[in-house]
C-alpha atoms as a PDB file:
ATOM      1  CA  UNK A   1      51.066   0.198   9.612  1.00  0.00           C
ATOM      2  CA  UNK A   2      53.308   2.916  11.210  1.00  0.00           C
ATOM      3  CA  UNK A   3      55.743   0.399  12.727  1.00  0.00           C
ATOM      4  CA  UNK A   4      56.490  -1.079   9.289  1.00  0.00           C
ATOM      5  CA  UNK A   5      57.037   2.413   7.894  1.00  0.00           C
ATOM      6  CA  UNK A   6      59.380   3.358  10.726  1.00  0.00           C
ATOM      7  CA  UNK A   7      61.347   0.149  10.321  1.00  0.00           C
ATOM      8  CA  UNK A   8      61.744   0.879   6.613  1.00  0.00           C
ATOM      9  CA  UNK A   9      63.098   4.345   7.381  1.00  0.00           C
ATOM     10  CA  UNK A  10      65.529   2.904   9.941  1.00  0.00           C
ATOM     11  CA  UNK A  11      66.832   0.364   7.416  1.00  0.00           C
ATOM     12  CA  UNK A  12      67.547   3.092   4.887  1.00  0.00           C
ATOM     13  CA  UNK A  13      69.639   5.009   7.427  1.00  0.00           C
ATOM     14  CA  UNK A  14      71.839   2.213   8.702  1.00  0.00           C
ATOM     15  CA  UNK A  15      75.600   2.366   7.953  1.00  0.00           C
ATOM     16  CA  UNK A  16      76.813  -0.903   9.415  1.00  0.00           C
ATOM     17  CA  UNK A  17      75.249  -4.299   9.944  1.00  0.00           C
ATOM     18  CA  UNK A  18      75.965  -3.790  13.609  1.00  0.00           C
ATOM     19  CA  UNK A  19      74.846  -0.181  13.614  1.00  0.00           C
ATOM     20  CA  UNK A  20      72.068   1.337  15.704  1.00  0.00           C
ATOM     21  CA  UNK A  21      69.787   2.028  12.716  1.00  0.00           C
ATOM     22  CA  UNK A  22      69.928  -1.580  11.579  1.00  0.00           C
ATOM     23  CA  UNK A  23      69.096  -2.808  15.091  1.00  0.00           C
ATOM     24  CA  UNK A  24      66.186  -0.356  15.459  1.00  0.00           C
ATOM     25  CA  UNK A  25      64.847  -1.397  12.063  1.00  0.00           C
ATOM     26  CA  UNK A  26      64.841  -5.073  13.028  1.00  0.00           C
ATOM     27  CA  UNK A  27      63.218  -4.341  16.383  1.00  0.00           C
ATOM     28  CA  UNK A  28      60.448  -2.353  14.724  1.00  0.00           C
ATOM     29  CA  UNK A  29      59.954  -5.107  12.152  1.00  0.00           C
ATOM     30  CA  UNK A  30      59.613  -7.717  14.913  1.00  0.00           C
ATOM     31  CA  UNK A  31      57.166  -5.442  16.740  1.00  0.00           C
ATOM     32  CA  UNK A  32      55.069  -5.058  13.583  1.00  0.00           C
ATOM     33  CA  UNK A  33      54.801  -8.807  13.053  1.00  0.00           C
ATOM     34  CA  UNK A  34      53.991  -9.229  16.731  1.00  0.00           C
ATOM     35  CA  UNK A  35      51.103  -6.782  16.483  1.00  0.00           C
ATOM     36  CA  UNK A  36      49.845  -8.502  13.336  1.00  0.00           C
ATOM     37  CA  UNK A  37      49.921 -11.799  15.203  1.00  0.00           C
ATOM     38  CA  UNK A  38      47.979 -10.350  18.127  1.00  0.00           C
ATOM     39  CA  UNK A  39      45.438  -8.675  15.850  1.00  0.00           C
ATOM     40  CA  UNK A  40      44.613 -11.669  13.689  1.00  0.00           C
ATOM     41  CA  UNK A  41      45.891 -14.925  15.161  1.00  0.00           C
ATOM     42  CA  UNK A  42      45.663 -14.303  18.900  1.00  0.00           C
ATOM     43  CA  UNK A  43      42.272 -12.571  18.702  1.00  0.00           C
ATOM     44  CA  UNK A  44      40.929 -15.135  16.257  1.00  0.00           C
ATOM     45  CA  UNK A  45      41.891 -18.041  18.528  1.00  0.00           C
ATOM     46  CA  UNK A  46      41.150 -16.635  21.956  1.00  0.00           C
ATOM     47  CA  UNK A  47      38.205 -14.376  21.026  1.00  0.00           C
ATOM     48  CA  UNK A  48      36.672 -15.969  17.931  1.00  0.00           C
ATOM     49  CA  UNK A  49      33.261 -14.403  18.551  1.00  0.00           C
ATOM     50  CA  UNK A  50      34.768 -10.934  18.356  1.00  0.00           C
ATOM     51  CA  UNK A  51      36.056 -11.735  14.868  1.00  0.00           C
ATOM     52  CA  UNK A  52      33.216 -13.833  13.515  1.00  0.00           C
ATOM     53  CA  UNK A  53      30.232 -11.947  14.888  1.00  0.00           C
ATOM     54  CA  UNK A  54      31.274  -8.317  14.608  1.00  0.00           C
ATOM     55  CA  UNK A  55      29.622  -8.114  11.183  1.00  0.00           C
ATOM     56  CA  UNK A  56      26.629 -10.087  12.431  1.00  0.00           C
ATOM     57  CA  UNK A  57      26.098  -7.659  15.302  1.00  0.00           C
ATOM     58  CA  UNK A  58      26.174  -4.758  12.866  1.00  0.00           C
ATOM     59  CA  UNK A  59      23.633  -6.516  10.634  1.00  0.00           C
ATOM     60  CA  UNK A  60      21.361  -7.183  13.599  1.00  0.00           C
ATOM     61  CA  UNK A  61      21.555  -3.533  14.573  1.00  0.00           C
ATOM     62  CA  UNK A  62      20.559  -2.476  11.059  1.00  0.00           C
ATOM     63  CA  UNK A  63      17.649  -4.924  11.114  1.00  0.00           C
ATOM     64  CA  UNK A  64      16.540  -3.600  14.497  1.00  0.00           C
ATOM     65  CA  UNK A  65      16.633  -0.040  13.209  1.00  0.00           C
ATOM     66  CA  UNK A  66      14.628  -1.003  10.119  1.00  0.00           C
ATOM     67  CA  UNK A  67      12.072  -2.828  12.281  1.00  0.00           C
ATOM     68  CA  UNK A  68      11.753   0.205  14.555  1.00  0.00           C
ATOM     69  CA  UNK A  69      11.300   2.444  11.519  1.00  0.00           C
ATOM     70  CA  UNK A  70       8.622   0.112  10.123  1.00  0.00           C
ATOM     71  CA  UNK A  71       6.867   0.155  13.492  1.00  0.00           C
ATOM     72  CA  UNK A  72       6.843   3.950  13.446  1.00  0.00           C
ATOM     73  CA  UNK A  73       5.326   3.983   9.959  1.00  0.00           C
ATOM     74  CA  UNK A  74       2.614   1.510  10.984  1.00  0.00           C
ATOM     75  CA  UNK A  75       1.832   3.445  14.159  1.00  0.00           C
ATOM     76  CA  UNK A  76       1.252   6.621  12.157  1.00  0.00           C
ATOM     77  CA  UNK A  77      -1.426   4.901  10.067  1.00  0.00           C
ATOM     78  CA  UNK A  78      -5.018   5.328  11.205  1.00  0.00           C
ATOM     79  CA  UNK A  79      -5.951   1.734  10.374  1.00  0.00           C
ATOM     80  CA  UNK A  80      -5.264  -1.549  12.137  1.00  0.00           C
ATOM     81  CA  UNK A  81      -2.301  -3.682  11.043  1.00  0.00           C
ATOM     82  CA  UNK A  82      -1.984  -7.302  12.176  1.00  0.00           C
ATOM     83  CA  UNK A  83       0.664  -9.778  11.002  1.00  0.00           C
ATOM     84  CA  UNK A  84       0.070 -13.494  11.626  1.00  0.00           C
ATOM     85  CA  UNK A  85       2.586 -16.296  11.160  1.00  0.00           C
ATOM     86  CA  UNK A  86       1.739 -19.625   9.544  1.00  0.00           C
ATOM     87  CA  UNK A  87       0.467 -20.959  12.883  1.00  0.00           C
ATOM     88  CA  UNK A  88      -2.027 -18.126  13.168  1.00  0.00           C
ATOM     89  CA  UNK A  89      -0.155 -16.416  15.994  1.00  0.00           C
ATOM     90  CA  UNK A  90       0.287 -12.660  16.141  1.00  0.00           C
ATOM     91  CA  UNK A  91       3.740 -11.617  14.958  1.00  0.00           C
ATOM     92  CA  UNK A  92       3.148  -7.857  14.879  1.00  0.00           C
ATOM     93  CA  UNK A  93       0.406  -5.312  15.550  1.00  0.00           C
ATOM     94  CA  UNK A  94       0.464  -1.551  15.320  1.00  0.00           C
ATOM     95  CA  UNK A  95      -0.706   1.047  17.817  1.00  0.00           C
ATOM     96  CA  UNK A  96      -4.194   1.398  16.328  1.00  0.00           C
ATOM     97  CA  UNK A  97      -4.824  -2.351  16.571  1.00  0.00           C
ATOM     98  CA  UNK A  98      -3.634  -2.280  20.175  1.00  0.00           C
ATOM     99  CA  UNK A  99      -6.044   0.570  20.942  1.00  0.00           C
ATOM    100  CA  UNK A 100      -9.038  -1.188  19.374  1.00  0.00           C
ATOM    101  CA  UNK A 101      -8.318  -4.505  21.102  1.00  0.00           C
ATOM    102  CA  UNK A 102      -7.651  -2.778  24.413  1.00  0.00           C
ATOM    103  CA  UNK A 103      -4.383  -4.641  25.061  1.00  0.00           C
ATOM    104  CA  UNK A 104      -0.758  -3.466  24.959  1.00  0.00           C
ATOM    105  CA  UNK A 105       1.139  -4.791  21.958  1.00  0.00           C
ATOM    106  CA  UNK A 106       3.436  -7.031  24.010  1.00  0.00           C
ATOM    107  CA  UNK A 107       0.366  -8.774  25.476  1.00  0.00           C
ATOM    108  CA  UNK A 108      -0.922  -9.591  21.984  1.00  0.00           C
ATOM    109  CA  UNK A 109       2.232 -10.668  20.126  1.00  0.00           C
ATOM    110  CA  UNK A 110       2.622 -14.443  20.235  1.00  0.00           C
ATOM    111  CA  UNK A 111      -1.046 -15.098  21.027  1.00  0.00           C
ATOM    112  CA  UNK A 112      -3.240 -17.291  18.768  1.00  0.00           C
ATOM    113  CA  UNK A 113      -5.438 -14.798  16.954  1.00  0.00           C
ATOM    114  CA  UNK A 114      -8.547 -16.946  16.504  1.00  0.00           C
ATOM    115  CA  UNK A 115      -8.681 -18.300  20.053  1.00  0.00           C
ATOM    116  CA  UNK A 116      -8.026 -14.943  21.719  1.00  0.00           C
ATOM    117  CA  UNK A 117      -9.586 -12.278  19.531  1.00  0.00           C
ATOM    118  CA  UNK A 118     -12.295 -13.884  17.379  1.00  0.00           C
ATOM    119  CA  UNK A 119     -15.805 -14.468  18.849  1.00  0.00           C
ATOM    120  CA  UNK A 120     -16.665 -18.176  19.272  1.00  0.00           C
ATOM    121  CA  UNK A 121     -19.438 -18.045  16.670  1.00  0.00           C
ATOM    122  CA  UNK A 122     -16.967 -16.811  14.024  1.00  0.00           C
ATOM    123  CA  UNK A 123     -13.983 -19.050  14.765  1.00  0.00           C
ATOM    124  CA  UNK A 124     -14.714 -21.932  12.411  1.00  0.00           C
ATOM    125  CA  UNK A 125     -15.340 -19.574   9.513  1.00  0.00           C
ATOM    126  CA  UNK A 126     -12.161 -17.656  10.273  1.00  0.00           C
ATOM    127  CA  UNK A 127     -10.102 -20.865  10.543  1.00  0.00           C
ATOM    128  CA  UNK A 128     -11.363 -21.940   7.117  1.00  0.00           C
ATOM    129  CA  UNK A 129     -10.470 -18.561   5.605  1.00  0.00           C
ATOM    130  CA  UNK A 130      -7.001 -18.615   7.175  1.00  0.00           C
ATOM    131  CA  UNK A 131      -6.355 -22.182   6.014  1.00  0.00           C
ATOM    132  CA  UNK A 132      -7.245 -21.122   2.477  1.00  0.00           C
ATOM    133  CA  UNK A 133      -4.795 -18.234   2.653  1.00  0.00           C
ATOM    134  CA  UNK A 134      -2.045 -20.560   3.882  1.00  0.00           C
ATOM    135  CA  UNK A 135      -2.690 -22.715   0.811  1.00  0.00           C
ATOM    136  CA  UNK A 136      -2.248 -19.630  -1.338  1.00  0.00           C
ATOM    137  CA  UNK A 137      -5.939 -19.134  -2.126  1.00  0.00           C
ATOM    138  CA  UNK A 138      -6.540 -15.380  -2.389  1.00  0.00           C
ATOM    139  CA  UNK A 139     -10.220 -15.165  -3.190  1.00  0.00           C
ATOM    140  CA  UNK A 140     -13.073 -14.139  -0.883  1.00  0.00           C
ATOM    141  CA  UNK A 141     -10.755 -14.273   2.135  1.00  0.00           C
ATOM    142  CA  UNK A 142      -8.985 -11.112   0.995  1.00  0.00           C
ATOM    143  CA  UNK A 143     -11.892  -8.844   1.951  1.00  0.00           C
ATOM    144  CA  UNK A 144     -14.127  -9.612   4.909  1.00  0.00           C
ATOM    145  CA  UNK A 145     -16.030  -7.864   7.674  1.00  0.00           C
ATOM    146  CA  UNK A 146     -15.434  -9.685  10.931  1.00  0.00           C
ATOM    147  CA  UNK A 147     -15.891  -8.910  14.636  1.00  0.00           C
ATOM    148  CA  UNK A 148     -13.025  -8.964  17.132  1.00  0.00           C
ATOM    149  CA  UNK A 149     -13.143  -9.460  20.888  1.00  0.00           C
ATOM    150  CA  UNK A 150     -11.866  -6.585  23.004  1.00  0.00           C
ATOM    151  CA  UNK A 151     -10.377  -6.498  26.481  1.00  0.00           C
ATOM    152  CA  UNK A 152     -13.636  -5.253  28.025  1.00  0.00           C
ATOM    153  CA  UNK A 153     -15.572  -8.230  26.645  1.00  0.00           C
ATOM    154  CA  UNK A 154     -17.178  -6.254  23.833  1.00  0.00           C
ATOM    155  CA  UNK A 155     -16.955  -6.656  20.087  1.00  0.00           C
ATOM    156  CA  UNK A 156     -15.818  -4.315  17.335  1.00  0.00           C
ATOM    157  CA  UNK A 157     -16.605  -4.867  13.661  1.00  0.00           C
ATOM    158  CA  UNK A 158     -13.545  -4.584  11.425  1.00  0.00           C
ATOM    159  CA  UNK A 159     -13.435  -4.361   7.629  1.00  0.00           C
ATOM    160  CA  UNK A 160     -10.323  -6.432   6.870  1.00  0.00           C
ATOM    161  CA  UNK A 161      -8.139  -6.494   3.774  1.00  0.00           C
ATOM    162  CA  UNK A 162      -5.702  -9.404   3.996  1.00  0.00           C
ATOM    163  CA  UNK A 163      -2.629 -10.136   1.880  1.00  0.00           C
ATOM    164  CA  UNK A 164      -0.472 -13.260   1.912  1.00  0.00           C
ATOM    165  CA  UNK A 165       3.187 -12.837   2.875  1.00  0.00           C
ATOM    166  CA  UNK A 166       5.803 -14.939   1.083  1.00  0.00           C
ATOM    167  CA  UNK A 167       9.489 -15.559   1.691  1.00  0.00           C
ATOM    168  CA  UNK A 168      12.234 -15.158  -0.895  1.00  0.00           C
ATOM    169  CA  UNK A 169      11.477 -18.643  -2.227  1.00  0.00           C
ATOM    170  CA  UNK A 170       7.807 -17.824  -2.770  1.00  0.00           C
ATOM    171  CA  UNK A 171       6.530 -19.960   0.095  1.00  0.00           C
ATOM    172  CA  UNK A 172       3.687 -18.577   2.228  1.00  0.00           C
ATOM    173  CA  UNK A 173       5.076 -17.353   5.556  1.00  0.00           C
ATOM    174  CA  UNK A 174       2.099 -15.504   7.037  1.00  0.00           C
ATOM    175  CA  UNK A 175      -0.523 -12.839   6.439  1.00  0.00           C
ATOM    176  CA  UNK A 176      -0.707  -9.071   6.698  1.00  0.00           C
ATOM    177  CA  UNK A 177      -4.148  -7.651   7.449  1.00  0.00           C
ATOM    178  CA  UNK A 178      -5.131  -4.005   7.410  1.00  0.00           C
ATOM    179  CA  UNK A 179      -8.478  -3.155   8.921  1.00  0.00           C
ATOM    180  CA  UNK A 180     -10.827  -0.268   9.567  1.00  0.00           C
ATOM    181  CA  UNK A 181     -13.112  -0.119  12.583  1.00  0.00           C
ATOM    182  CA  UNK A 182     -16.611   0.218  11.081  1.00  0.00           C
ATOM    183  CA  UNK A 183     -18.566  -0.529  14.262  1.00  0.00           C
ATOM    184  CA  UNK A 184     -20.254   2.870  14.462  1.00  0.00           C
ATOM    185  CA  UNK A 185     -20.934   2.833  10.727  1.00  0.00           C
ATOM    186  CA  UNK A 186     -22.590  -0.588  10.979  1.00  0.00           C
ATOM    187  CA  UNK A 187     -24.686   0.521  13.944  1.00  0.00           C
ATOM    188  CA  UNK A 188     -25.729   3.694  12.111  1.00  0.00           C
ATOM    189  CA  UNK A 189     -26.711   1.710   9.008  1.00  0.00           C
ATOM    190  CA  UNK A 190     -28.731  -0.716  11.140  1.00  0.00           C
ATOM    191  CA  UNK A 191     -30.492   2.174  12.898  1.00  0.00           C
ATOM    192  CA  UNK A 192     -31.228   3.802   9.541  1.00  0.00           C
ATOM    193  CA  UNK A 193     -32.667   0.536   8.256  1.00  0.00           C
ATOM    194  CA  UNK A 194     -34.958   0.256  11.277  1.00  0.00           C
ATOM    195  CA  UNK A 195     -36.064   3.877  10.851  1.00  0.00           C
ATOM    196  CA  UNK A 196     -36.819   3.325   7.161  1.00  0.00           C
ATOM    197  CA  UNK A 197     -38.845   0.237   8.023  1.00  0.00           C
ATOM    198  CA  UNK A 198     -40.925   2.242  10.490  1.00  0.00           C
ATOM    199  CA  UNK A 199     -41.429   5.048   7.973  1.00  0.00           C
ATOM    200  CA  UNK A 200     -42.510   2.568   5.310  1.00  0.00           C
ATOM    201  CA  UNK A 201     -44.919   0.934   7.738  1.00  0.00           C
ATOM    202  CA  UNK A 202     -46.373   4.296   8.731  1.00  0.00           C
ATOM    203  CA  UNK A 203     -46.604   5.367   5.100  1.00  0.00           C
ATOM    204  CA  UNK A 204     -48.404   2.136   4.225  1.00  0.00           C
ATOM    205  CA  UNK A 205     -50.910   2.610   7.028  1.00  0.00           C
ATOM    206  CA  UNK A 206     -51.446   6.266   6.108  1.00  0.00           C
ATOM    207  CA  UNK A 207     -51.855   5.429   2.419  1.00  0.00           C
ATOM    208  CA  UNK A 208     -54.412   2.769   3.258  1.00  0.00           C
ATOM    209  CA  UNK A 209     -56.390   5.212   5.418  1.00  0.00           C
ATOM    210  CA  UNK A 210     -56.342   7.900   2.714  1.00  0.00           C
ATOM    211  CA  UNK A 211     -57.573   5.458   0.078  1.00  0.00           C
ATOM    212  CA  UNK A 212     -60.393   4.420   2.378  1.00  0.00           C
ATOM    213  CA  UNK A 213     -61.425   8.054   2.805  1.00  0.00           C
ATOM    214  CA  UNK A 214     -61.252   8.568  -0.964  1.00  0.00           C
ATOM    215  CA  UNK A 215     -63.602   5.635  -1.461  1.00  0.00           C
ATOM    216  CA  UNK A 216     -66.044   7.179   1.012  1.00  0.00           C
ATOM    217  CA  UNK A 217     -65.795  10.597  -0.675  1.00  0.00           C
ATOM    218  CA  UNK A 218     -66.467   9.116  -4.099  1.00  0.00           C
ATOM    219  CA  UNK A 219     -69.535   7.322  -2.739  1.00  0.00           C
ATOM    220  CA  UNK A 220     -70.922  10.548  -1.278  1.00  0.00           C
ATOM    221  CA  UNK A 221     -70.319  12.331  -4.581  1.00  0.00           C
ATOM    222  CA  UNK A 222     -72.219   9.614  -6.433  1.00  0.00           C
ATOM    223  CA  UNK A 223     -75.118   9.780  -3.981  1.00  0.00           C
ATOM    224  CA  UNK A 224     -75.272  13.574  -4.227  1.00  0.00           C
ATOM    225  CA  UNK A 225     -75.287  13.435  -8.021  1.00  0.00           C
ATOM    226  CA  UNK A 226     -78.173  11.008  -8.067  1.00  0.00           C
ATOM    227  CA  UNK A 227     -80.285  13.217  -5.774  1.00  0.00           C
ATOM    228  CA  UNK A 228     -79.621  16.509  -7.550  1.00  0.00           C
ATOM    229  CA  UNK A 229     -81.089  17.587 -10.877  1.00  0.00           C
ATOM    230  CA  UNK A 230     -79.496  21.037 -10.742  1.00  0.00           C
ATOM    231  CA  UNK A 231     -76.932  21.281 -13.588  1.00  0.00           C
ATOM    232  CA  UNK A 232     -74.701  23.657 -11.640  1.00  0.00           C
ATOM    233  CA  UNK A 233     -74.530  21.322  -8.638  1.00  0.00           C
ATOM    234  CA  UNK A 234     -73.887  18.327 -10.865  1.00  0.00           C
ATOM    235  CA  UNK A 235     -71.019  20.257 -12.487  1.00  0.00           C
ATOM    236  CA  UNK A 236     -69.478  20.936  -9.066  1.00  0.00           C
ATOM    237  CA  UNK A 237     -69.870  17.283  -8.134  1.00  0.00           C
ATOM    238  CA  UNK A 238     -68.127  16.216 -11.349  1.00  0.00           C
ATOM    239  CA  UNK A 239     -65.211  18.510 -10.558  1.00  0.00           C
ATOM    240  CA  UNK A 240     -65.046  17.056  -7.048  1.00  0.00           C
ATOM    241  CA  UNK A 241     -65.016  13.527  -8.494  1.00  0.00           C
ATOM    242  CA  UNK A 242     -62.127  14.467 -10.817  1.00  0.00           C
ATOM    243  CA  UNK A 243     -60.151  15.971  -7.918  1.00  0.00           C
ATOM    244  CA  UNK A 244     -60.679  12.840  -5.802  1.00  0.00           C
ATOM    245  CA  UNK A 245     -59.508  10.623  -8.659  1.00  0.00           C
ATOM    246  CA  UNK A 246     -56.322  12.709  -9.040  1.00  0.00           C
ATOM    247  CA  UNK A 247     -55.634  12.387  -5.319  1.00  0.00           C
ATOM    248  CA  UNK A 248     -56.095   8.626  -5.568  1.00  0.00           C
ATOM    249  CA  UNK A 249     -53.632   8.423  -8.484  1.00  0.00           C
ATOM    250  CA  UNK A 250     -51.014  10.393  -6.545  1.00  0.00           C
ATOM    251  CA  UNK A 251     -51.386   8.210  -3.456  1.00  0.00           C
ATOM    252  CA  UNK A 252     -51.117   5.007  -5.466  1.00  0.00           C
ATOM    253  CA  UNK A 253     -48.088   6.372  -7.369  1.00  0.00           C
ATOM    254  CA  UNK A 254     -46.205   6.923  -4.076  1.00  0.00           C
ATOM    255  CA  UNK A 255     -46.223   3.221  -3.190  1.00  0.00           C
END
């Protein structure tokens, strides 16, 4: 402290007990102790929060900065992120999840996930899965395709991967789910399945018709062979019968 240093210099220069240097040294010493009193005792008594919570405010600021940085990382990701607390309420969502749901993030945080964003037909199943996760069961609940309700009343199908969050003591404190919107993929797969079913039906009908025509052709060949004694014609008919049999084998093989 500069006042203590100055008082020390003044004491070294004094000549007499009643001299000016000695008096200045004592005055500076008293001033130093007075400032120490104001800095520690007076402030601690009259403004205790300024002393006790200065470090806490700095810690809160660091936590806020880390939370903002985490939010930026999650917003960059192209998948949905949803954090639920142990009561099943939304603690955090990222930008992609907000876009898919059709709500701003501040309108989602704090809401019960099942009651607000899960279709009624899926709620009991989802509650059972969530209850299992809260018990620490990490089996089939980790991976699941489930629909979510959107702001426009529609549904989107999400492929979820859910992990259990634990505190420093190992107790379950919530869940973190990452999800991918597979609605278009599911619709495309369903359309492809319907198209394949139609193709198979058409192929079955066509195959049946071809086999019927083969049966007719073989009958005509047999009739022609019985009515003809010409060896050359019978040879042609035998070749025709062989060709028809090969066609029949190929059609039956394609089933």
